[in-house]
Amino acid sequence: MPLTKIGIPCIFHEITGLYCPGCGATRAATALLNLDFPQAFRYNSILFFLLPMYAVYYAAEKNRLRPLSKVMMTAMLVLTLAFGILRNIPEFAWLAPTVIRI
């Protein structure tokens, strides 16, 4: 964390050296609280896709639209797994949690 210099280590990253789908989420949340949307996107871009999808899933569950909620949950799972794999491939290194350099 930039302000406190205290971070929450990712056990998966510590053990494997690979980024999990959640790596950078805490820093992204902090950046969002500071209204720094570009930096939040660089830390963990999947949050910008999962949050609206989760809202649709929640609304579907609340209104008992089972087929839609199942589709949304499946889509979120597939997206999360794909993101976790892609961000560790060198051609998609831009998905890794990084700081914007100006």
Protein backbone atom coordinates (compact mmCIF):
# COMPACT_ATOMS: atom_id res chain seq x y z
CA MET A 1 0.00 0.00 0.00
CA PRO A 2 1.55 3.31 -1.03
CA LEU A 3 0.36 5.23 2.02
CA THR A 4 1.19 2.81 4.82
CA LYS A 5 3.82 0.66 3.07
CA ILE A 6 1.94 -2.31 4.54
CA GLY A 7 0.68 -4.81 2.02
CA ILE A 8 -1.41 -7.95 2.02
CA PRO A 9 0.80 -10.60 0.47
CA CYS A 10 -0.71 -12.98 -2.05
CA ILE A 11 0.21 -16.49 -0.93
CA PHE A 12 -0.29 -17.82 -4.47
CA HIS A 13 2.13 -15.22 -5.88
CA GLU A 14 4.64 -15.79 -3.06
CA ILE A 15 4.72 -19.54 -3.70
CA THR A 16 4.47 -19.69 -7.51
CA GLY A 17 5.65 -16.27 -8.69
CA LEU A 18 2.47 -16.08 -10.78
CA TYR A 19 -0.33 -13.54 -10.46
CA CYS A 20 -3.70 -14.82 -9.32
CA PRO A 21 -6.88 -13.10 -10.56
CA GLY A 22 -7.03 -11.14 -7.29
CA CYS A 23 -3.46 -9.83 -7.28
CA GLY A 24 -3.62 -6.05 -7.15
CA ALA A 25 -7.26 -5.91 -5.99
CA THR A 26 -6.44 -4.22 -2.68
CA ARG A 27 -4.33 -1.59 -4.43
CA ALA A 28 -7.09 -1.17 -7.04
CA ALA A 29 -9.66 -0.61 -4.29
CA THR A 30 -7.42 2.00 -2.68
CA ALA A 31 -6.95 3.74 -6.03
CA LEU A 32 -10.73 3.71 -6.56
CA LEU A 33 -11.21 5.34 -3.15
CA ASN A 34 -8.83 8.07 -4.33
CA LEU A 35 -10.82 8.31 -7.60
CA ASP A 36 -7.74 7.28 -9.57
CA PHE A 37 -9.57 5.11 -12.10
CA PRO A 38 -6.69 4.62 -14.58
CA GLN A 39 -4.38 3.36 -11.83
CA ALA A 40 -7.09 1.13 -10.39
CA PHE A 41 -7.57 -0.36 -13.86
CA ARG A 42 -3.83 -1.05 -14.12
CA TYR A 43 -3.71 -2.76 -10.73
CA ASN A 44 -6.61 -5.13 -11.45
CA SER A 45 -8.74 -4.52 -14.54
CA ILE A 46 -11.06 -7.48 -14.00
CA LEU A 47 -12.81 -5.62 -11.18
CA PHE A 48 -14.25 -3.18 -13.71
CA PHE A 49 -15.93 -6.08 -15.50
CA LEU A 50 -16.89 -8.26 -12.54
CA LEU A 51 -18.60 -5.57 -10.47
CA PRO A 52 -21.31 -4.79 -13.06
CA MET A 53 -21.68 -8.49 -13.81
CA TYR A 54 -22.13 -9.20 -10.11
CA ALA A 55 -24.81 -6.49 -9.92
CA VAL A 56 -26.73 -8.21 -12.74
CA TYR A 57 -26.25 -11.58 -11.03
CA TYR A 58 -27.53 -10.17 -7.73
CA ALA A 59 -30.58 -8.62 -9.39
CA ALA A 60 -31.31 -11.88 -11.21
CA GLU A 61 -31.06 -13.87 -7.98
CA LYS A 62 -33.24 -11.40 -6.11
CA ASN A 63 -35.91 -11.57 -8.84
CA ARG A 64 -35.61 -15.36 -9.07
CA LEU A 65 -34.40 -15.34 -12.68
CA ARG A 66 -32.47 -18.59 -12.31
CA PRO A 67 -31.37 -19.02 -15.95
CA LEU A 68 -29.90 -15.51 -16.07
CA SER A 69 -28.19 -15.86 -12.70
CA LYS A 70 -26.61 -19.17 -13.78
CA VAL A 71 -25.35 -17.60 -17.01
CA MET A 72 -23.90 -14.64 -15.13
CA MET A 73 -22.18 -16.83 -12.54
CA THR A 74 -20.71 -19.03 -15.29
CA ALA A 75 -19.54 -15.98 -17.25
CA MET A 76 -17.89 -14.49 -14.14
CA LEU A 77 -16.13 -17.78 -13.41
CA VAL A 78 -14.87 -18.17 -16.98
CA LEU A 79 -13.75 -14.53 -17.12
CA THR A 80 -11.89 -14.84 -13.80
CA LEU A 81 -10.11 -18.04 -14.84
CA ALA A 82 -9.18 -16.62 -18.26
CA PHE A 83 -7.89 -13.42 -16.65
CA GLY A 84 -5.80 -15.42 -14.17
CA ILE A 85 -4.20 -17.41 -16.97
CA LEU A 86 -3.71 -14.57 -19.45
CA ARG A 87 -2.05 -12.15 -17.02
CA ASN A 88 0.79 -14.65 -16.59
CA ILE A 89 1.52 -15.04 -20.33
CA PRO A 90 4.28 -12.68 -21.54
CA GLU A 91 2.17 -11.38 -24.46
CA PHE A 92 -0.45 -10.25 -21.94
CA ALA A 93 1.96 -8.81 -19.38
CA TRP A 94 -0.05 -5.56 -19.52
CA LEU A 95 -2.68 -7.37 -17.40
CA ALA A 96 -0.23 -7.76 -14.50
CA PRO A 97 -0.70 -5.34 -11.58
CA THR A 98 1.59 -2.38 -12.29
CA VAL A 99 1.95 1.32 -11.56
CA ILE A 100 1.31 3.83 -14.34
CA ARG A 101 4.53 5.64 -15.20
CA ILE A 102 4.08 9.23 -16.35
